[in-house]
C-alpha atoms as a PDB file:
ATOM      1  CA  UNK A   1      11.813  -6.783  29.797  1.00  0.00           C
ATOM      2  CA  UNK A   2       9.070  -4.586  29.653  1.00  0.00           C
ATOM      3  CA  UNK A   3       5.209  -5.060  30.195  1.00  0.00           C
ATOM      4  CA  UNK A   4       5.151  -4.507  25.854  1.00  0.00           C
ATOM      5  CA  UNK A   5       7.172  -7.598  25.008  1.00  0.00           C
ATOM      6  CA  UNK A   6       6.028  -9.866  27.787  1.00  0.00           C
ATOM      7  CA  UNK A   7       2.177  -8.922  26.254  1.00  0.00           C
ATOM      8  CA  UNK A   8       4.212  -9.969  22.895  1.00  0.00           C
ATOM      9  CA  UNK A   9       5.705 -12.897  24.562  1.00  0.00           C
ATOM     10  CA  UNK A  10       2.987 -14.280  25.679  1.00  0.00           C
ATOM     11  CA  UNK A  11       0.658 -13.821  22.522  1.00  0.00           C
ATOM     12  CA  UNK A  12       3.023 -15.209  20.023  1.00  0.00           C
ATOM     13  CA  UNK A  13       3.304 -18.189  22.688  1.00  0.00           C
ATOM     14  CA  UNK A  14      -0.207 -18.839  22.834  1.00  0.00           C
ATOM     15  CA  UNK A  15      -0.982 -18.042  19.332  1.00  0.00           C
ATOM     16  CA  UNK A  16       1.540 -20.647  18.206  1.00  0.00           C
ATOM     17  CA  UNK A  17       0.154 -23.289  21.288  1.00  0.00           C
ATOM     18  CA  UNK A  18      -3.446 -23.109  19.308  1.00  0.00           C
ATOM     19  CA  UNK A  19      -2.000 -22.419  15.626  1.00  0.00           C
ATOM     20  CA  UNK A  20      -0.318 -25.912  15.495  1.00  0.00           C
ATOM     21  CA  UNK A  21      -3.214 -28.084  17.574  1.00  0.00           C
ATOM     22  CA  UNK A  22      -1.370 -27.633  21.034  1.00  0.00           C
ATOM     23  CA  UNK A  23      -4.471 -25.759  22.504  1.00  0.00           C
ATOM     24  CA  UNK A  24      -6.802 -27.347  20.736  1.00  0.00           C
ATOM     25  CA  UNK A  25     -10.418 -26.089  19.858  1.00  0.00           C
ATOM     26  CA  UNK A  26     -13.008 -26.024  23.080  1.00  0.00           C
ATOM     27  CA  UNK A  27     -10.070 -25.439  25.103  1.00  0.00           C
ATOM     28  CA  UNK A  28     -10.833 -23.964  28.323  1.00  0.00           C
ATOM     29  CA  UNK A  29      -7.627 -21.586  29.363  1.00  0.00           C
ATOM     30  CA  UNK A  30      -7.144 -19.841  33.475  1.00  0.00           C
ATOM     31  CA  UNK A  31      -5.380 -16.421  33.276  1.00  0.00           C
ATOM     32  CA  UNK A  32      -3.965 -17.703  36.188  1.00  0.00           C
ATOM     33  CA  UNK A  33      -3.042 -20.948  34.951  1.00  0.00           C
ATOM     34  CA  UNK A  34      -1.344 -19.030  32.333  1.00  0.00           C
ATOM     35  CA  UNK A  35       0.319 -16.258  34.054  1.00  0.00           C
ATOM     36  CA  UNK A  36       2.305 -19.142  36.078  1.00  0.00           C
ATOM     37  CA  UNK A  37       3.555 -21.293  33.398  1.00  0.00           C
ATOM     38  CA  UNK A  38       4.855 -18.427  31.913  1.00  0.00           C
ATOM     39  CA  UNK A  39       6.552 -17.009  35.045  1.00  0.00           C
ATOM     40  CA  UNK A  40       4.485 -13.497  34.417  1.00  0.00           C
ATOM     41  CA  UNK A  41       1.657 -11.304  36.201  1.00  0.00           C
ATOM     42  CA  UNK A  42      -2.205 -11.627  34.939  1.00  0.00           C
ATOM     43  CA  UNK A  43      -1.696  -7.961  33.199  1.00  0.00           C
ATOM     44  CA  UNK A  44       0.381  -9.272  30.171  1.00  0.00           C
ATOM     45  CA  UNK A  45      -1.823 -12.204  29.587  1.00  0.00           C
ATOM     46  CA  UNK A  46      -5.082 -10.508  30.153  1.00  0.00           C
ATOM     47  CA  UNK A  47      -3.587  -8.153  26.741  1.00  0.00           C
ATOM     48  CA  UNK A  48      -2.170 -10.721  24.720  1.00  0.00           C
ATOM     49  CA  UNK A  49      -5.842 -12.917  25.101  1.00  0.00           C
ATOM     50  CA  UNK A  50      -7.596  -9.949  24.004  1.00  0.00           C
ATOM     51  CA  UNK A  51      -5.611  -9.934  20.926  1.00  0.00           C
ATOM     52  CA  UNK A  52      -5.957 -13.237  20.453  1.00  0.00           C
ATOM     53  CA  UNK A  53      -9.773 -12.379  20.868  1.00  0.00           C
ATOM     54  CA  UNK A  54      -9.715  -9.883  18.477  1.00  0.00           C
ATOM     55  CA  UNK A  55      -8.193 -11.836  15.396  1.00  0.00           C
ATOM     56  CA  UNK A  56     -10.948 -14.747  16.240  1.00  0.00           C
ATOM     57  CA  UNK A  57      -8.536 -16.972  17.792  1.00  0.00           C
ATOM     58  CA  UNK A  58     -10.407 -17.066  21.511  1.00  0.00           C
ATOM     59  CA  UNK A  59     -13.449 -15.552  22.998  1.00  0.00           C
ATOM     60  CA  UNK A  60     -14.025 -14.911  26.812  1.00  0.00           C
ATOM     61  CA  UNK A  61     -16.768 -16.564  28.927  1.00  0.00           C
ATOM     62  CA  UNK A  62     -17.831 -13.972  31.624  1.00  0.00           C
ATOM     63  CA  UNK A  63     -16.495 -16.385  35.218  1.00  0.00           C
ATOM     64  CA  UNK A  64     -15.385 -19.356  33.195  1.00  0.00           C
ATOM     65  CA  UNK A  65     -12.067 -18.711  31.449  1.00  0.00           C
ATOM     66  CA  UNK A  66     -11.353 -17.973  27.782  1.00  0.00           C
ATOM     67  CA  UNK A  67     -12.385 -20.478  24.973  1.00  0.00           C
ATOM     68  CA  UNK A  68     -10.164 -21.690  22.147  1.00  0.00           C
ATOM     69  CA  UNK A  69     -11.872 -20.977  18.730  1.00  0.00           C
ATOM     70  CA  UNK A  70     -12.465 -23.336  16.219  1.00  0.00           C
ATOM     71  CA  UNK A  71     -12.024 -22.006  12.465  1.00  0.00           C
ATOM     72  CA  UNK A  72     -15.041 -23.357  10.964  1.00  0.00           C
ATOM     73  CA  UNK A  73     -15.643 -24.627   7.280  1.00  0.00           C
ATOM     74  CA  UNK A  74     -17.093 -21.399   5.823  1.00  0.00           C
ATOM     75  CA  UNK A  75     -14.116 -19.549   7.704  1.00  0.00           C
ATOM     76  CA  UNK A  76     -11.833 -21.692   5.826  1.00  0.00           C
ATOM     77  CA  UNK A  77     -13.068 -21.745   2.451  1.00  0.00           C
ATOM     78  CA  UNK A  78     -13.229 -18.427   2.752  1.00  0.00           C
ATOM     79  CA  UNK A  79      -9.805 -17.652   3.520  1.00  0.00           C
ATOM     80  CA  UNK A  80      -8.486 -20.088   1.060  1.00  0.00           C
ATOM     81  CA  UNK A  81     -11.043 -18.263  -1.522  1.00  0.00           C
ATOM     82  CA  UNK A  82      -8.544 -14.927  -0.959  1.00  0.00           C
ATOM     83  CA  UNK A  83      -5.058 -16.938  -1.358  1.00  0.00           C
ATOM     84  CA  UNK A  84      -6.469 -18.114  -4.735  1.00  0.00           C
ATOM     85  CA  UNK A  85      -7.481 -14.716  -5.560  1.00  0.00           C
ATOM     86  CA  UNK A  86      -3.570 -13.755  -4.829  1.00  0.00           C
ATOM     87  CA  UNK A  87      -2.265 -16.448  -6.440  1.00  0.00           C
ATOM     88  CA  UNK A  88      -4.308 -15.875  -9.517  1.00  0.00           C
ATOM     89  CA  UNK A  89      -3.235 -11.911  -9.137  1.00  0.00           C
ATOM     90  CA  UNK A  90       0.637 -12.661  -9.370  1.00  0.00           C
ATOM     91  CA  UNK A  91       0.712 -15.036 -12.606  1.00  0.00           C
ATOM     92  CA  UNK A  92      -1.396 -11.921 -14.083  1.00  0.00           C
ATOM     93  CA  UNK A  93       1.596  -9.635 -13.090  1.00  0.00           C
ATOM     94  CA  UNK A  94       3.851 -12.502 -14.451  1.00  0.00           C
ATOM     95  CA  UNK A  95       2.435 -12.129 -17.642  1.00  0.00           C
ATOM     96  CA  UNK A  96       3.261  -8.433 -17.873  1.00  0.00           C
ATOM     97  CA  UNK A  97       6.736  -8.125 -19.355  1.00  0.00           C
ATOM     98  CA  UNK A  98       7.400  -4.759 -17.680  1.00  0.00           C
ATOM     99  CA  UNK A  99       6.853  -6.271 -14.345  1.00  0.00           C
ATOM    100  CA  UNK A 100      10.062  -7.827 -12.689  1.00  0.00           C
ATOM    101  CA  UNK A 101       9.387 -10.643 -10.929  1.00  0.00           C
ATOM    102  CA  UNK A 102      11.579 -13.410  -9.904  1.00  0.00           C
ATOM    103  CA  UNK A 103      10.518 -16.661  -8.730  1.00  0.00           C
ATOM    104  CA  UNK A 104      12.985 -19.544  -7.089  1.00  0.00           C
ATOM    105  CA  UNK A 105      11.520 -22.469  -9.264  1.00  0.00           C
ATOM    106  CA  UNK A 106      14.162 -24.759  -7.638  1.00  0.00           C
ATOM    107  CA  UNK A 107      13.173 -23.264  -4.480  1.00  0.00           C
ATOM    108  CA  UNK A 108       9.523 -24.330  -5.013  1.00  0.00           C
ATOM    109  CA  UNK A 109      10.556 -27.565  -6.483  1.00  0.00           C
ATOM    110  CA  UNK A 110      12.512 -28.222  -3.114  1.00  0.00           C
ATOM    111  CA  UNK A 111       8.687 -27.519  -1.489  1.00  0.00           C
ATOM    112  CA  UNK A 112       6.970 -29.749  -3.526  1.00  0.00           C
ATOM    113  CA  UNK A 113       9.918 -32.446  -2.921  1.00  0.00           C
ATOM    114  CA  UNK A 114       9.535 -31.869   0.495  1.00  0.00           C
ATOM    115  CA  UNK A 115       6.100 -32.012   0.501  1.00  0.00           C
ATOM    116  CA  UNK A 116       6.162 -35.954  -1.007  1.00  0.00           C
ATOM    117  CA  UNK A 117       8.415 -37.477   1.324  1.00  0.00           C
ATOM    118  CA  UNK A 118       6.306 -35.890   4.544  1.00  0.00           C
ATOM    119  CA  UNK A 119       3.637 -37.678   2.672  1.00  0.00           C
ATOM    120  CA  UNK A 120       4.900 -40.693   2.474  1.00  0.00           C
ATOM    121  CA  UNK A 121       6.511 -40.538   6.357  1.00  0.00           C
ATOM    122  CA  UNK A 122       2.725 -39.599   7.195  1.00  0.00           C
ATOM    123  CA  UNK A 123       3.799 -36.260   8.323  1.00  0.00           C
ATOM    124  CA  UNK A 124       1.309 -34.102   7.866  1.00  0.00           C
ATOM    125  CA  UNK A 125       2.254 -30.480   9.954  1.00  0.00           C
ATOM    126  CA  UNK A 126       5.902 -30.907   7.625  1.00  0.00           C
ATOM    127  CA  UNK A 127       3.789 -31.289   4.894  1.00  0.00           C
ATOM    128  CA  UNK A 128       1.004 -28.544   5.387  1.00  0.00           C
ATOM    129  CA  UNK A 129       3.710 -26.045   6.395  1.00  0.00           C
ATOM    130  CA  UNK A 130       5.385 -26.422   2.773  1.00  0.00           C
ATOM    131  CA  UNK A 131       2.229 -26.274   1.205  1.00  0.00           C
ATOM    132  CA  UNK A 132       2.090 -22.780   2.735  1.00  0.00           C
ATOM    133  CA  UNK A 133       5.473 -21.842   1.728  1.00  0.00           C
ATOM    134  CA  UNK A 134       5.132 -22.861  -1.612  1.00  0.00           C
ATOM    135  CA  UNK A 135       1.875 -20.628  -2.056  1.00  0.00           C
ATOM    136  CA  UNK A 136       4.032 -17.613  -0.095  1.00  0.00           C
ATOM    137  CA  UNK A 137       6.770 -17.632  -2.066  1.00  0.00           C
ATOM    138  CA  UNK A 138       4.778 -16.941  -5.233  1.00  0.00           C
ATOM    139  CA  UNK A 139       2.971 -14.295  -3.417  1.00  0.00           C
ATOM    140  CA  UNK A 140       6.131 -13.064  -2.088  1.00  0.00           C
ATOM    141  CA  UNK A 141       8.117 -12.440  -5.904  1.00  0.00           C
ATOM    142  CA  UNK A 142       5.827  -9.397  -6.085  1.00  0.00           C
ATOM    143  CA  UNK A 143       7.625  -7.872  -3.401  1.00  0.00           C
ATOM    144  CA  UNK A 144       4.091  -6.078  -2.077  1.00  0.00           C
ATOM    145  CA  UNK A 145       4.899  -6.156   1.520  1.00  0.00           C
ATOM    146  CA  UNK A 146       0.989  -5.847   2.940  1.00  0.00           C
ATOM    147  CA  UNK A 147      -0.251  -8.453   0.452  1.00  0.00           C
ATOM    148  CA  UNK A 148       2.737 -10.817   1.965  1.00  0.00           C
ATOM    149  CA  UNK A 149       1.640  -9.450   5.640  1.00  0.00           C
ATOM    150  CA  UNK A 150      -2.310 -10.380   4.851  1.00  0.00           C
ATOM    151  CA  UNK A 151      -0.994 -13.645   3.257  1.00  0.00           C
ATOM    152  CA  UNK A 152       0.414 -14.715   6.509  1.00  0.00           C
ATOM    153  CA  UNK A 153      -2.336 -13.802   8.927  1.00  0.00           C
ATOM    154  CA  UNK A 154      -4.740 -15.639   6.738  1.00  0.00           C
ATOM    155  CA  UNK A 155      -1.967 -18.692   6.371  1.00  0.00           C
ATOM    156  CA  UNK A 156      -1.675 -19.282  10.333  1.00  0.00           C
ATOM    157  CA  UNK A 157      -5.734 -19.676  10.540  1.00  0.00           C
ATOM    158  CA  UNK A 158      -5.736 -22.178   7.379  1.00  0.00           C
ATOM    159  CA  UNK A 159      -2.985 -24.085   9.028  1.00  0.00           C
ATOM    160  CA  UNK A 160      -4.403 -24.474  12.208  1.00  0.00           C
ATOM    161  CA  UNK A 161      -7.804 -25.697  10.856  1.00  0.00           C
ATOM    162  CA  UNK A 162      -5.990 -28.665   8.814  1.00  0.00           C
ATOM    163  CA  UNK A 163      -4.051 -29.429  11.873  1.00  0.00           C
ATOM    164  CA  UNK A 164      -6.817 -29.717  14.512  1.00  0.00           C
ATOM    165  CA  UNK A 165      -9.006 -31.325  11.624  1.00  0.00           C
ATOM    166  CA  UNK A 166      -5.697 -33.742  11.047  1.00  0.00           C
ATOM    167  CA  UNK A 167      -5.828 -34.646  14.445  1.00  0.00           C
ATOM    168  CA  UNK A 168      -9.558 -35.000  15.331  1.00  0.00           C
ATOM    169  CA  UNK A 169      -9.697 -37.348  12.164  1.00  0.00           C
ATOM    170  CA  UNK A 170      -6.189 -39.187  11.249  1.00  0.00           C
ATOM    171  CA  UNK A 171      -7.848 -42.197   9.363  1.00  0.00           C
ATOM    172  CA  UNK A 172      -9.351 -39.791   6.740  1.00  0.00           C
ATOM    173  CA  UNK A 173      -6.863 -38.820   3.926  1.00  0.00           C
ATOM    174  CA  UNK A 174      -5.748 -35.800   4.765  1.00  0.00           C
ATOM    175  CA  UNK A 175      -3.119 -35.012   1.901  1.00  0.00           C
ATOM    176  CA  UNK A 176      -4.482 -33.784  -1.217  1.00  0.00           C
ATOM    177  CA  UNK A 177      -2.235 -30.780  -1.626  1.00  0.00           C
ATOM    178  CA  UNK A 178       0.279 -31.751  -3.481  1.00  0.00           C
ATOM    179  CA  UNK A 179      -0.981 -32.642  -6.897  1.00  0.00           C
ATOM    180  CA  UNK A 180      -2.203 -28.374  -6.675  1.00  0.00           C
ATOM    181  CA  UNK A 181       1.715 -27.473  -6.600  1.00  0.00           C
ATOM    182  CA  UNK A 182       3.095 -30.163  -8.889  1.00  0.00           C
ATOM    183  CA  UNK A 183       0.705 -28.960 -11.433  1.00  0.00           C
ATOM    184  CA  UNK A 184       1.270 -25.224 -10.752  1.00  0.00           C
ATOM    185  CA  UNK A 185       4.874 -25.654 -10.854  1.00  0.00           C
ATOM    186  CA  UNK A 186       4.610 -27.641 -14.097  1.00  0.00           C
ATOM    187  CA  UNK A 187       3.350 -24.263 -15.485  1.00  0.00           C
ATOM    188  CA  UNK A 188       5.160 -22.096 -14.176  1.00  0.00           C
ATOM    189  CA  UNK A 189       8.281 -24.069 -15.875  1.00  0.00           C
ATOM    190  CA  UNK A 190       6.681 -23.586 -19.182  1.00  0.00           C
ATOM    191  CA  UNK A 191       5.853 -19.610 -18.499  1.00  0.00           C
ATOM    192  CA  UNK A 192       2.674 -21.189 -19.100  1.00  0.00           C
ATOM    193  CA  UNK A 193       0.451 -17.965 -16.355  1.00  0.00           C
ATOM    194  CA  UNK A 194      -2.706 -18.603 -17.803  1.00  0.00           C
ATOM    195  CA  UNK A 195      -1.911 -22.443 -16.910  1.00  0.00           C
ATOM    196  CA  UNK A 196      -1.661 -21.712 -13.803  1.00  0.00           C
ATOM    197  CA  UNK A 197      -4.323 -19.840 -13.100  1.00  0.00           C
ATOM    198  CA  UNK A 198      -6.256 -22.205 -14.101  1.00  0.00           C
ATOM    199  CA  UNK A 199      -4.552 -24.704 -11.588  1.00  0.00           C
ATOM    200  CA  UNK A 200      -5.162 -22.242  -9.070  1.00  0.00           C
ATOM    201  CA  UNK A 201      -9.112 -21.660  -9.708  1.00  0.00           C
ATOM    202  CA  UNK A 202      -9.415 -25.185  -8.816  1.00  0.00           C
ATOM    203  CA  UNK A 203      -8.308 -25.032  -5.316  1.00  0.00           C
ATOM    204  CA  UNK A 204     -12.302 -23.875  -4.284  1.00  0.00           C
ATOM    205  CA  UNK A 205     -13.943 -27.176  -5.736  1.00  0.00           C
ATOM    206  CA  UNK A 206     -11.301 -29.737  -5.060  1.00  0.00           C
ATOM    207  CA  UNK A 207     -11.466 -28.449  -1.563  1.00  0.00           C
ATOM    208  CA  UNK A 208     -15.260 -28.570  -0.723  1.00  0.00           C
ATOM    209  CA  UNK A 209     -15.402 -31.352  -2.230  1.00  0.00           C
ATOM    210  CA  UNK A 210     -13.281 -33.057  -0.261  1.00  0.00           C
ATOM    211  CA  UNK A 211     -14.863 -30.618   2.926  1.00  0.00           C
ATOM    212  CA  UNK A 212     -18.283 -32.589   2.117  1.00  0.00           C
ATOM    213  CA  UNK A 213     -16.926 -36.129   1.704  1.00  0.00           C
ATOM    214  CA  UNK A 214     -15.150 -35.695   4.733  1.00  0.00           C
ATOM    215  CA  UNK A 215     -18.384 -34.108   6.418  1.00  0.00           C
ATOM    216  CA  UNK A 216     -16.723 -30.911   7.386  1.00  0.00           C
ATOM    217  CA  UNK A 217     -19.140 -29.311   6.602  1.00  0.00           C
END
């Protein structure tokens, strides 16, 4: 395995552990310990950390190590607004008869059903995963690779924020997205793309209200 693939491996492993909340914000990481754990030299670890720092997942502290960063409430809302814009634009394109867009409503319905089941089981990671998969399928239907890649980069930060907050405040109700997706699916099933846009526009007010109610600002 060459150096580039080692860097990619270390990067993906560390990033996944942060996104899923295994490495929580404020965790202090050591290059030496990570190199020993991953059975590789410090060089690929250092390059992987530099990449993660450029993406805002960690910050290097001189002579102390590497600190896992939190996703703040303002950044979370900014990212939600970007996702909201993508969905709104997607529905606008669906209104155009000359734009060939295929949307698998059965697959979207399956994501909503998984969310419903996950909520009953209190499986928040699964619930959150399918919330974002629901939205991702809508964006993917436009067949715009740049937009989809951008969505994926936003999604991981949003997922991380959601999982970290759930782990920190398990006593607070966190299952609030299923209504948005259910109402969106109902509008799409009726080919009412304007109604779907109205549902999506409620994302920010609902999210902000929930964050204020749970002291996340």
